[in-house]
Amino acid sequence: MATINVNKAEFEKLVNTDDAFVLVDFWAEWCGPCRAFGPIYDRVSEKHPDIVFAKVDTDAEQELSAAAGIRSIPTLMMFRDGILLYNQPGAAPEAALEDLIAQARALDMNDVRKQLAEATPAT
């Protein structure tokens, strides 16, 4: 699947979907590391048609970038079943990105939800 550019409304819909696997690359045209990471991100997206590979232009989507706490670009976020699994700045080599995806695929999301519930204090 090719990468898709998303705005704030599309981002919120994508990452809050219960059965979705979504990677989001926060980037900007002027950012050298972003331009270097872009082709890697695109190549990996072609190998995983079941995953949504989204891109957020931090210049065009400043409100979304601020709400997401983006302080450095590129920043990669990974969501699965509406749960944020990964949020890290920096460009990743292709092998590291593939490994990250493999680790996320291997997770038992029922166990992840259980751990999150146990970590959340009752009100």
N, C-alpha and C. Protein backbone atom coordinates (compact mmCIF):
# COMPACT_ATOMS: atom_id res chain seq x y z
N MET A 1 0.85 -1.17 0.00
CA MET A 1 0.00 0.00 0.00
C MET A 1 0.89 1.23 0.00
N ALA A 2 0.55 2.18 -0.80
CA ALA A 2 1.29 3.43 -0.83
C ALA A 2 0.98 4.24 0.42
N THR A 3 1.86 5.18 0.73
CA THR A 3 1.61 6.05 1.87
C THR A 3 0.52 7.05 1.53
N ILE A 4 -0.17 7.52 2.56
CA ILE A 4 -1.22 8.52 2.36
C ILE A 4 -0.94 9.73 3.24
N ASN A 5 -1.22 10.90 2.73
CA ASN A 5 -1.10 12.12 3.51
C ASN A 5 -2.40 12.33 4.27
N VAL A 6 -2.29 12.66 5.56
CA VAL A 6 -3.50 12.83 6.36
C VAL A 6 -3.50 14.17 7.08
N ASN A 7 -4.72 14.66 7.32
CA ASN A 7 -4.90 15.87 8.12
C ASN A 7 -5.39 15.46 9.50
N LYS A 8 -5.75 16.42 10.32
CA LYS A 8 -6.12 16.14 11.71
C LYS A 8 -7.33 15.21 11.80
N ALA A 9 -8.38 15.50 11.06
CA ALA A 9 -9.60 14.67 11.13
C ALA A 9 -9.32 13.25 10.66
N GLU A 10 -8.56 13.11 9.58
CA GLU A 10 -8.23 11.77 9.07
C GLU A 10 -7.33 11.02 10.06
N PHE A 11 -6.38 11.73 10.66
CA PHE A 11 -5.49 11.13 11.64
C PHE A 11 -6.29 10.55 12.80
N GLU A 12 -7.16 11.35 13.36
CA GLU A 12 -7.94 10.91 14.52
C GLU A 12 -8.81 9.70 14.18
N LYS A 13 -9.39 9.69 13.00
CA LYS A 13 -10.21 8.56 12.59
C LYS A 13 -9.35 7.30 12.42
N LEU A 14 -8.20 7.44 11.77
CA LEU A 14 -7.31 6.30 11.54
C LEU A 14 -6.80 5.67 12.82
N VAL A 15 -6.28 6.49 13.72
CA VAL A 15 -5.61 5.94 14.90
C VAL A 15 -6.58 5.48 15.98
N ASN A 16 -7.84 5.86 15.87
CA ASN A 16 -8.82 5.44 16.86
C ASN A 16 -9.72 4.31 16.36
N THR A 17 -9.29 3.63 15.31
CA THR A 17 -10.04 2.50 14.77
C THR A 17 -9.59 1.23 15.48
N ASP A 18 -10.56 0.47 15.98
CA ASP A 18 -10.27 -0.69 16.81
C ASP A 18 -9.50 -1.81 16.11
N ASP A 19 -9.67 -1.97 14.82
CA ASP A 19 -9.01 -3.09 14.15
C ASP A 19 -7.96 -2.65 13.13
N ALA A 20 -7.42 -1.45 13.31
CA ALA A 20 -6.45 -0.92 12.35
C ALA A 20 -5.03 -1.03 12.87
N PHE A 21 -4.11 -1.17 11.94
CA PHE A 21 -2.67 -1.15 12.21
C PHE A 21 -2.16 0.04 11.40
N VAL A 22 -1.68 1.07 12.09
CA VAL A 22 -1.34 2.33 11.43
C VAL A 22 0.03 2.81 11.87
N LEU A 23 0.86 3.17 10.89
CA LEU A 23 2.12 3.87 11.15
C LEU A 23 1.95 5.30 10.66
N VAL A 24 2.46 6.24 11.42
CA VAL A 24 2.36 7.65 11.04
C VAL A 24 3.76 8.26 11.08
N ASP A 25 4.15 8.86 9.97
CA ASP A 25 5.43 9.55 9.85
C ASP A 25 5.15 11.06 9.88
N PHE A 26 5.61 11.73 10.93
CA PHE A 26 5.52 13.19 11.01
C PHE A 26 6.80 13.73 10.39
N TRP A 27 6.66 14.59 9.38
CA TRP A 27 7.81 15.03 8.60
C TRP A 27 7.59 16.46 8.10
N ALA A 28 8.61 17.02 7.45
CA ALA A 28 8.51 18.31 6.77
C ALA A 28 9.45 18.29 5.57
N GLU A 29 9.07 19.03 4.56
CA GLU A 29 9.83 19.08 3.30
C GLU A 29 11.27 19.56 3.51
N TRP A 30 11.48 20.52 4.40
CA TRP A 30 12.79 21.12 4.61
C TRP A 30 13.73 20.25 5.46
N CYS A 31 13.22 19.18 6.03
CA CYS A 31 13.96 18.34 6.97
C CYS A 31 14.78 17.27 6.22
N GLY A 32 16.10 17.38 6.29
CA GLY A 32 16.98 16.42 5.61
C GLY A 32 16.77 14.98 6.05
N PRO A 33 16.76 14.69 7.36
CA PRO A 33 16.51 13.31 7.79
C PRO A 33 15.13 12.80 7.35
N CYS A 34 14.15 13.70 7.28
CA CYS A 34 12.81 13.30 6.82
C CYS A 34 12.88 12.87 5.35
N ARG A 35 13.60 13.64 4.55
CA ARG A 35 13.72 13.31 3.12
C ARG A 35 14.48 12.00 2.94
N ALA A 36 15.45 11.72 3.82
CA ALA A 36 16.19 10.46 3.73
C ALA A 36 15.32 9.28 4.17
N PHE A 37 14.47 9.47 5.17
CA PHE A 37 13.62 8.41 5.69
C PHE A 37 12.42 8.14 4.76
N GLY A 38 11.96 9.14 4.03
CA GLY A 38 10.78 9.01 3.18
C GLY A 38 10.82 7.82 2.23
N PRO A 39 11.88 7.62 1.46
CA PRO A 39 11.93 6.47 0.55
C PRO A 39 11.92 5.12 1.29
N ILE A 40 12.53 5.07 2.47
CA ILE A 40 12.51 3.84 3.27
C ILE A 40 11.07 3.54 3.69
N TYR A 41 10.40 4.55 4.20
CA TYR A 41 9.01 4.42 4.65
C TYR A 41 8.12 3.96 3.50
N ASP A 42 8.32 4.57 2.32
CA ASP A 42 7.54 4.19 1.14
C ASP A 42 7.80 2.74 0.72
N ARG A 43 9.07 2.33 0.73
CA ARG A 43 9.42 0.95 0.35
C ARG A 43 8.78 -0.06 1.30
N VAL A 44 8.88 0.21 2.59
CA VAL A 44 8.31 -0.70 3.58
C VAL A 44 6.79 -0.74 3.45
N SER A 45 6.18 0.38 3.12
CA SER A 45 4.71 0.40 2.96
C SER A 45 4.26 -0.55 1.85
N GLU A 46 5.06 -0.68 0.82
CA GLU A 46 4.71 -1.57 -0.30
C GLU A 46 4.75 -3.04 0.11
N LYS A 47 5.52 -3.36 1.14
CA LYS A 47 5.65 -4.75 1.60
C LYS A 47 4.55 -5.16 2.58
N HIS A 48 3.79 -4.18 3.06
CA HIS A 48 2.78 -4.45 4.09
C HIS A 48 1.44 -3.81 3.71
N PRO A 49 0.74 -4.39 2.74
CA PRO A 49 -0.51 -3.78 2.27
C PRO A 49 -1.63 -3.78 3.32
N ASP A 50 -1.47 -4.56 4.38
CA ASP A 50 -2.50 -4.60 5.43
C ASP A 50 -2.32 -3.50 6.47
N ILE A 51 -1.24 -2.74 6.38
CA ILE A 51 -0.96 -1.66 7.33
C ILE A 51 -1.17 -0.33 6.63
N VAL A 52 -1.76 0.62 7.34
CA VAL A 52 -1.91 1.98 6.81
C VAL A 52 -0.63 2.75 7.14
N PHE A 53 0.02 3.26 6.12
CA PHE A 53 1.21 4.09 6.28
C PHE A 53 0.80 5.53 5.98
N ALA A 54 0.66 6.33 7.03
CA ALA A 54 0.21 7.71 6.88
C ALA A 54 1.39 8.66 7.07
N LYS A 55 1.27 9.83 6.46
CA LYS A 55 2.28 10.87 6.60
C LYS A 55 1.56 12.16 7.01
N VAL A 56 2.18 12.87 7.95
CA VAL A 56 1.65 14.16 8.39
C VAL A 56 2.73 15.20 8.16
N ASP A 57 2.42 16.17 7.30
CA ASP A 57 3.32 17.29 7.05
C ASP A 57 3.19 18.25 8.23
N THR A 58 4.23 18.35 9.04
CA THR A 58 4.15 19.15 10.26
C THR A 58 3.98 20.64 9.98
N ASP A 59 4.41 21.10 8.81
CA ASP A 59 4.21 22.51 8.45
C ASP A 59 2.74 22.77 8.12
N ALA A 60 2.13 21.88 7.37
CA ALA A 60 0.73 22.05 6.98
C ALA A 60 -0.23 21.72 8.12
N GLU A 61 0.18 20.83 9.01
CA GLU A 61 -0.69 20.37 10.10
C GLU A 61 -0.08 20.72 11.46
N GLN A 62 0.15 22.00 11.68
CA GLN A 62 0.80 22.45 12.91
C GLN A 62 -0.03 22.14 14.15
N GLU A 63 -1.34 22.29 14.07
CA GLU A 63 -2.20 22.01 15.22
C GLU A 63 -2.13 20.53 15.60
N LEU A 64 -2.20 19.66 14.60
CA LEU A 64 -2.10 18.22 14.84
C LEU A 64 -0.74 17.86 15.42
N SER A 65 0.31 18.44 14.86
CA SER A 65 1.67 18.16 15.34
C SER A 65 1.83 18.58 16.79
N ALA A 66 1.28 19.73 17.15
CA ALA A 66 1.35 20.20 18.53
C ALA A 66 0.55 19.27 19.45
N ALA A 67 -0.64 18.89 19.01
CA ALA A 67 -1.48 18.01 19.83
C ALA A 67 -0.83 16.64 20.03
N ALA A 68 -0.07 16.19 19.03
CA ALA A 68 0.62 14.90 19.12
C ALA A 68 1.93 15.00 19.89
N GLY A 69 2.31 16.21 20.28
CA GLY A 69 3.54 16.40 21.05
C GLY A 69 4.80 16.25 20.24
N ILE A 70 4.73 16.54 18.95
CA ILE A 70 5.89 16.41 18.08
C ILE A 70 6.88 17.53 18.38
N ARG A 71 8.08 17.15 18.78
CA ARG A 71 9.13 18.13 19.11
C ARG A 71 10.34 18.00 18.20
N SER A 72 10.41 16.88 17.48
CA SER A 72 11.53 16.61 16.60
C SER A 72 11.01 15.78 15.43
N ILE A 73 11.54 16.03 14.26
CA ILE A 73 11.12 15.25 13.10
C ILE A 73 12.34 14.67 12.40
N PRO A 74 12.17 13.54 11.75
CA PRO A 74 10.92 12.79 11.67
C PRO A 74 10.59 12.12 13.01
N THR A 75 9.31 11.93 13.24
CA THR A 75 8.83 11.15 14.38
C THR A 75 7.91 10.08 13.82
N LEU A 76 8.09 8.87 14.29
CA LEU A 76 7.27 7.74 13.86
C LEU A 76 6.38 7.31 15.02
N MET A 77 5.09 7.18 14.74
CA MET A 77 4.13 6.65 15.70
C MET A 77 3.52 5.39 15.11
N MET A 78 3.25 4.42 15.98
CA MET A 78 2.61 3.19 15.54
C MET A 78 1.41 2.91 16.44
N PHE A 79 0.27 2.68 15.81
CA PHE A 79 -0.96 2.36 16.51
C PHE A 79 -1.46 1.01 16.03
N ARG A 80 -1.98 0.24 16.97
CA ARG A 80 -2.63 -1.01 16.61
C ARG A 80 -3.88 -1.13 17.46
N ASP A 81 -4.99 -1.35 16.81
CA ASP A 81 -6.28 -1.47 17.49
C ASP A 81 -6.57 -0.25 18.36
N GLY A 82 -6.19 0.92 17.88
CA GLY A 82 -6.46 2.16 18.60
C GLY A 82 -5.52 2.43 19.76
N ILE A 83 -4.47 1.65 19.91
CA ILE A 83 -3.53 1.79 21.03
C ILE A 83 -2.17 2.24 20.49
N LEU A 84 -1.64 3.30 21.07
CA LEU A 84 -0.31 3.77 20.69
C LEU A 84 0.73 2.80 21.23
N LEU A 85 1.47 2.18 20.32
CA LEU A 85 2.50 1.21 20.70
C LEU A 85 3.91 1.78 20.64
N TYR A 86 4.10 2.81 19.81
CA TYR A 86 5.45 3.32 19.57
C TYR A 86 5.34 4.79 19.23
N ASN A 87 6.26 5.59 19.79
CA ASN A 87 6.30 7.02 19.50
C ASN A 87 7.74 7.46 19.72
N GLN A 88 8.48 7.59 18.61
CA GLN A 88 9.91 7.86 18.74
C GLN A 88 10.38 8.77 17.61
N PRO A 89 11.12 9.83 17.95
CA PRO A 89 11.71 10.65 16.89
C PRO A 89 12.94 9.97 16.31
N GLY A 90 13.26 10.35 15.08
CA GLY A 90 14.45 9.84 14.43
C GLY A 90 14.12 8.96 13.24
N ALA A 91 14.98 9.01 12.25
CA ALA A 91 14.83 8.18 11.05
C ALA A 91 15.36 6.78 11.36
N ALA A 92 14.59 5.79 10.97
CA ALA A 92 14.99 4.40 11.21
C ALA A 92 15.48 3.76 9.92
N PRO A 93 16.51 2.92 10.02
CA PRO A 93 16.91 2.15 8.83
C PRO A 93 15.80 1.15 8.49
N GLU A 94 15.81 0.69 7.26
CA GLU A 94 14.75 -0.21 6.80
C GLU A 94 14.63 -1.46 7.66
N ALA A 95 15.76 -2.07 8.01
CA ALA A 95 15.72 -3.30 8.82
C ALA A 95 15.10 -3.04 10.19
N ALA A 96 15.39 -1.89 10.79
CA ALA A 96 14.83 -1.55 12.10
C ALA A 96 13.32 -1.33 12.00
N LEU A 97 12.88 -0.69 10.92
CA LEU A 97 11.45 -0.48 10.73
C LEU A 97 10.73 -1.81 10.53
N GLU A 98 11.32 -2.70 9.75
CA GLU A 98 10.74 -4.03 9.55
C GLU A 98 10.67 -4.81 10.87
N ASP A 99 11.72 -4.68 11.70
CA ASP A 99 11.73 -5.36 12.99
C ASP A 99 10.65 -4.79 13.91
N LEU A 100 10.49 -3.50 13.90
CA LEU A 100 9.45 -2.86 14.71
C LEU A 100 8.06 -3.36 14.32
N ILE A 101 7.82 -3.48 13.03
CA ILE A 101 6.54 -3.99 12.54
C ILE A 101 6.35 -5.44 12.97
N ALA A 102 7.40 -6.24 12.85
CA ALA A 102 7.31 -7.65 13.26
C ALA A 102 7.00 -7.77 14.75
N GLN A 103 7.62 -6.94 15.56
CA GLN A 103 7.35 -6.96 17.00
C GLN A 103 5.90 -6.58 17.29
N ALA A 104 5.39 -5.57 16.59
CA ALA A 104 4.01 -5.15 16.80
C ALA A 104 3.03 -6.22 16.34
N ARG A 105 3.34 -6.90 15.25
CA ARG A 105 2.48 -8.00 14.78
C ARG A 105 2.41 -9.14 15.79
N ALA A 106 3.52 -9.37 16.48
CA ALA A 106 3.61 -10.50 17.41
C ALA A 106 2.90 -10.25 18.74
N LEU A 107 2.53 -9.00 18.99
CA LEU A 107 1.87 -8.69 20.26
C LEU A 107 0.49 -9.33 20.36
N ASP A 108 0.17 -9.80 21.53
CA ASP A 108 -1.18 -10.26 21.85
C ASP A 108 -1.92 -9.01 22.33
N MET A 109 -2.77 -8.45 21.48
CA MET A 109 -3.42 -7.18 21.82
C MET A 109 -4.39 -7.33 22.99
N ASN A 110 -4.94 -8.51 23.20
CA ASN A 110 -5.78 -8.71 24.39
C ASN A 110 -4.94 -8.55 25.65
N ASP A 111 -3.72 -9.07 25.61
CA ASP A 111 -2.81 -8.92 26.75
C ASP A 111 -2.42 -7.45 26.93
N VAL A 112 -2.17 -6.75 25.83
CA VAL A 112 -1.83 -5.33 25.90
C VAL A 112 -2.97 -4.54 26.54
N ARG A 113 -4.21 -4.80 26.11
CA ARG A 113 -5.38 -4.12 26.68
C ARG A 113 -5.50 -4.43 28.18
N LYS A 114 -5.25 -5.67 28.55
CA LYS A 114 -5.31 -6.08 29.96
C LYS A 114 -4.26 -5.32 30.77
N GLN A 115 -3.04 -5.24 30.25
CA GLN A 115 -1.97 -4.53 30.95
C GLN A 115 -2.30 -3.04 31.10
N LEU A 116 -2.88 -2.45 30.05
CA LEU A 116 -3.26 -1.04 30.12
C LEU A 116 -4.36 -0.84 31.16
N ALA A 117 -5.32 -1.74 31.20
CA ALA A 117 -6.41 -1.63 32.18
C ALA A 117 -5.87 -1.74 33.60
N GLU A 118 -4.93 -2.64 33.82
CA GLU A 118 -4.34 -2.82 35.15
C GLU A 118 -3.49 -1.62 35.56
N ALA A 119 -2.90 -0.94 34.59
CA ALA A 119 -2.04 0.20 34.88
C ALA A 119 -2.84 1.48 35.10
N THR A 120 -4.10 1.48 34.67
CA THR A 120 -4.94 2.66 34.79
C THR A 120 -5.66 2.62 36.14
N PRO A 121 -5.45 3.64 36.98
CA PRO A 121 -6.11 3.62 38.27
C PRO A 121 -7.62 3.76 38.14
N ALA A 122 -8.33 3.04 38.97
CA ALA A 122 -9.80 3.10 38.97
C ALA A 122 -10.24 4.45 39.53
N THR A 123 -11.30 4.99 38.96
CA THR A 123 -11.81 6.28 39.44
C THR A 123 -13.09 6.12 40.20
